[in-house]
Amino acid sequence: MKSEHGAYLELAIDAQDEQKKLKAQNMKTIKKENDRKQSVNMQFWHSMKEIIFMIACAAIAIYTLIHFAG
């Protein structure tokens, strides 16, 4: 009876260790994915900032041409 109980405890401990390893691996994967998403997000907003700046400059130039040409 004790040997069956000991074997059961050993299997339970092995399963817990495996779950801890999987959890650690999942946490690493989640962190990498979050870092990648943040990088993509930063690139997107940097591009948007450049586009908005160009549109604003073009609008100022067009306004200036219309205002002072007439």
N, C-alpha and C. Protein backbone atom coordinates (compact mmCIF):
# COMPACT_ATOMS: atom_id res chain seq x y z
N MET A 1 0.81 -1.19 0.00
CA MET A 1 0.00 0.00 0.00
C MET A 1 0.86 1.26 0.00
N LYS A 2 1.93 1.23 0.81
CA LYS A 2 2.78 2.41 0.85
C LYS A 2 3.50 2.61 -0.48
N SER A 3 3.86 1.54 -1.15
CA SER A 3 4.56 1.68 -2.42
C SER A 3 3.65 2.30 -3.48
N GLU A 4 2.36 1.94 -3.46
CA GLU A 4 1.43 2.55 -4.39
C GLU A 4 1.25 4.03 -4.08
N HIS A 5 1.16 4.33 -2.80
CA HIS A 5 1.02 5.73 -2.38
C HIS A 5 2.27 6.52 -2.75
N GLY A 6 3.44 5.93 -2.55
CA GLY A 6 4.69 6.59 -2.91
C GLY A 6 4.79 6.82 -4.41
N ALA A 7 4.37 5.83 -5.18
CA ALA A 7 4.39 5.97 -6.64
C ALA A 7 3.42 7.07 -7.08
N TYR A 8 2.25 7.12 -6.45
CA TYR A 8 1.27 8.15 -6.77
C TYR A 8 1.82 9.54 -6.45
N LEU A 9 2.45 9.69 -5.29
CA LEU A 9 3.04 10.98 -4.92
C LEU A 9 4.14 11.38 -5.89
N GLU A 10 4.94 10.42 -6.29
CA GLU A 10 6.03 10.70 -7.24
C GLU A 10 5.46 11.18 -8.57
N LEU A 11 4.40 10.53 -9.04
CA LEU A 11 3.76 10.96 -10.29
C LEU A 11 3.16 12.35 -10.14
N ALA A 12 2.55 12.61 -8.98
CA ALA A 12 1.96 13.93 -8.75
C ALA A 12 3.03 15.01 -8.73
N ILE A 13 4.16 14.73 -8.10
CA ILE A 13 5.25 15.71 -8.05
C ILE A 13 5.83 15.93 -9.45
N ASP A 14 5.98 14.85 -10.22
CA ASP A 14 6.47 14.99 -11.60
C ASP A 14 5.51 15.83 -12.43
N ALA A 15 4.22 15.61 -12.24
CA ALA A 15 3.23 16.38 -13.00
C ALA A 15 3.30 17.86 -12.61
N GLN A 16 3.48 18.14 -11.33
CA GLN A 16 3.59 19.53 -10.89
C GLN A 16 4.84 20.18 -11.46
N ASP A 17 5.95 19.43 -11.49
CA ASP A 17 7.18 19.98 -12.06
C ASP A 17 7.00 20.27 -13.54
N GLU A 18 6.33 19.38 -14.24
CA GLU A 18 6.08 19.58 -15.67
C GLU A 18 5.18 20.80 -15.88
N GLN A 19 4.18 20.97 -15.03
CA GLN A 19 3.31 22.14 -15.14
C GLN A 19 4.08 23.43 -14.88
N LYS A 20 4.99 23.40 -13.93
CA LYS A 20 5.81 24.59 -13.65
C LYS A 20 6.69 24.93 -14.84
N LYS A 21 7.27 23.90 -15.47
CA LYS A 21 8.11 24.14 -16.66
C LYS A 21 7.28 24.73 -17.79
N LEU A 22 6.09 24.16 -18.01
CA LEU A 22 5.22 24.67 -19.07
C LEU A 22 4.77 26.10 -18.78
N LYS A 23 4.47 26.38 -17.52
CA LYS A 23 4.05 27.73 -17.15
C LYS A 23 5.19 28.73 -17.40
N ALA A 24 6.40 28.36 -17.03
CA ALA A 24 7.55 29.24 -17.26
C ALA A 24 7.77 29.47 -18.75
N GLN A 25 7.64 28.40 -19.54
CA GLN A 25 7.81 28.53 -20.99
C GLN A 25 6.71 29.41 -21.58
N ASN A 26 5.48 29.23 -21.10
CA ASN A 26 4.37 30.05 -21.59
C ASN A 26 4.57 31.52 -21.23
N MET A 27 5.07 31.78 -20.04
CA MET A 27 5.30 33.17 -19.63
C MET A 27 6.37 33.82 -20.51
N LYS A 28 7.41 33.06 -20.86
CA LYS A 28 8.45 33.60 -21.76
C LYS A 28 7.85 33.91 -23.13
N THR A 29 7.03 33.00 -23.63
CA THR A 29 6.40 33.19 -24.93
C THR A 29 5.48 34.40 -24.91
N ILE A 30 4.70 34.54 -23.84
CA ILE A 30 3.79 35.68 -23.72
C ILE A 30 4.58 36.99 -23.67
N LYS A 31 5.69 37.01 -22.94
CA LYS A 31 6.51 38.22 -22.85
C LYS A 31 7.09 38.58 -24.21
N LYS A 32 7.59 37.58 -24.94
CA LYS A 32 8.14 37.84 -26.28
C LYS A 32 7.05 38.39 -27.20
N GLU A 33 5.86 37.82 -27.13
CA GLU A 33 4.76 38.29 -27.98
C GLU A 33 4.36 39.71 -27.60
N ASN A 34 4.30 40.02 -26.32
CA ASN A 34 3.97 41.39 -25.90
C ASN A 34 5.03 42.38 -26.35
N ASP A 35 6.31 41.99 -26.26
CA ASP A 35 7.39 42.86 -26.73
C ASP A 35 7.29 43.10 -28.23
N ARG A 36 6.95 42.03 -28.97
CA ARG A 36 6.81 42.17 -30.43
C ARG A 36 5.64 43.09 -30.75
N LYS A 37 4.52 42.92 -30.06
CA LYS A 37 3.36 43.79 -30.30
C LYS A 37 3.69 45.24 -29.99
N GLN A 38 4.43 45.47 -28.91
CA GLN A 38 4.79 46.84 -28.54
C GLN A 38 5.69 47.45 -29.61
N SER A 39 6.62 46.66 -30.13
CA SER A 39 7.52 47.15 -31.18
C SER A 39 6.74 47.51 -32.44
N VAL A 40 5.82 46.64 -32.84
CA VAL A 40 5.00 46.91 -34.03
C VAL A 40 4.15 48.15 -33.81
N ASN A 41 3.59 48.28 -32.61
CA ASN A 41 2.77 49.44 -32.27
C ASN A 41 3.58 50.73 -32.34
N MET A 42 4.80 50.70 -31.81
CA MET A 42 5.65 51.89 -31.85
C MET A 42 6.00 52.26 -33.29
N GLN A 43 6.29 51.26 -34.13
CA GLN A 43 6.59 51.54 -35.54
C GLN A 43 5.38 52.16 -36.23
N PHE A 44 4.19 51.63 -35.96
CA PHE A 44 2.97 52.16 -36.57
C PHE A 44 2.76 53.62 -36.20
N TRP A 45 2.86 53.94 -34.90
CA TRP A 45 2.61 55.32 -34.48
C TRP A 45 3.69 56.27 -34.95
N HIS A 46 4.92 55.78 -35.10
CA HIS A 46 5.98 56.63 -35.65
C HIS A 46 5.65 56.96 -37.11
N SER A 47 5.20 55.97 -37.86
CA SER A 47 4.81 56.22 -39.25
C SER A 47 3.63 57.18 -39.33
N MET A 48 2.65 56.99 -38.44
CA MET A 48 1.49 57.88 -38.44
C MET A 48 1.91 59.32 -38.11
N LYS A 49 2.84 59.47 -37.19
CA LYS A 49 3.32 60.81 -36.83
C LYS A 49 3.97 61.47 -38.04
N GLU A 50 4.76 60.71 -38.80
CA GLU A 50 5.40 61.28 -39.98
C GLU A 50 4.36 61.69 -41.03
N ILE A 51 3.36 60.85 -41.24
CA ILE A 51 2.33 61.15 -42.23
C ILE A 51 1.54 62.39 -41.81
N ILE A 52 1.15 62.47 -40.54
CA ILE A 52 0.40 63.63 -40.06
C ILE A 52 1.23 64.90 -40.18
N PHE A 53 2.52 64.80 -39.89
CA PHE A 53 3.40 65.97 -40.03
C PHE A 53 3.45 66.43 -41.48
N MET A 54 3.57 65.48 -42.42
CA MET A 54 3.61 65.85 -43.84
C MET A 54 2.30 66.49 -44.29
N ILE A 55 1.18 65.94 -43.84
CA ILE A 55 -0.13 66.51 -44.21
C ILE A 55 -0.26 67.92 -43.63
N ALA A 56 0.18 68.11 -42.40
CA ALA A 56 0.10 69.44 -41.79
C ALA A 56 0.97 70.44 -42.53
N CYS A 57 2.17 70.04 -42.90
CA CYS A 57 3.06 70.94 -43.66
C CYS A 57 2.44 71.28 -45.02
N ALA A 58 1.87 70.27 -45.69
CA ALA A 58 1.24 70.52 -46.98
C ALA A 58 0.05 71.47 -46.82
N ALA A 59 -0.73 71.28 -45.76
CA ALA A 59 -1.88 72.15 -45.53
C ALA A 59 -1.44 73.59 -45.28
N ILE A 60 -0.38 73.76 -44.50
CA ILE A 60 0.14 75.11 -44.24
C ILE A 60 0.65 75.74 -45.52
N ALA A 61 1.36 74.95 -46.34
CA ALA A 61 1.88 75.48 -47.60
C ALA A 61 0.75 75.88 -48.54
N ILE A 62 -0.27 75.04 -48.65
CA ILE A 62 -1.41 75.35 -49.53
C ILE A 62 -2.16 76.57 -49.01
N TYR A 63 -2.39 76.66 -47.71
CA TYR A 63 -3.06 77.81 -47.12
C TYR A 63 -2.27 79.09 -47.40
N THR A 64 -0.95 79.01 -47.23
CA THR A 64 -0.10 80.17 -47.46
C THR A 64 -0.15 80.61 -48.91
N LEU A 65 -0.10 79.66 -49.83
CA LEU A 65 -0.18 80.00 -51.25
C LEU A 65 -1.50 80.64 -51.60
N ILE A 66 -2.59 80.08 -51.10
CA ILE A 66 -3.91 80.63 -51.40
C ILE A 66 -4.09 82.00 -50.77
N HIS A 67 -3.64 82.15 -49.52
CA HIS A 67 -3.83 83.40 -48.79
C HIS A 67 -3.02 84.55 -49.39
N PHE A 68 -1.79 84.29 -49.75
CA PHE A 68 -0.91 85.37 -50.23
C PHE A 68 -0.89 85.49 -51.75
N ALA A 69 -1.44 84.53 -52.48
CA ALA A 69 -1.44 84.64 -53.94
C ALA A 69 -2.59 85.52 -54.42
N GLY A 70 -3.61 85.62 -53.64
CA GLY A 70 -4.81 86.34 -54.10
C GLY A 70 -4.80 87.73 -53.68
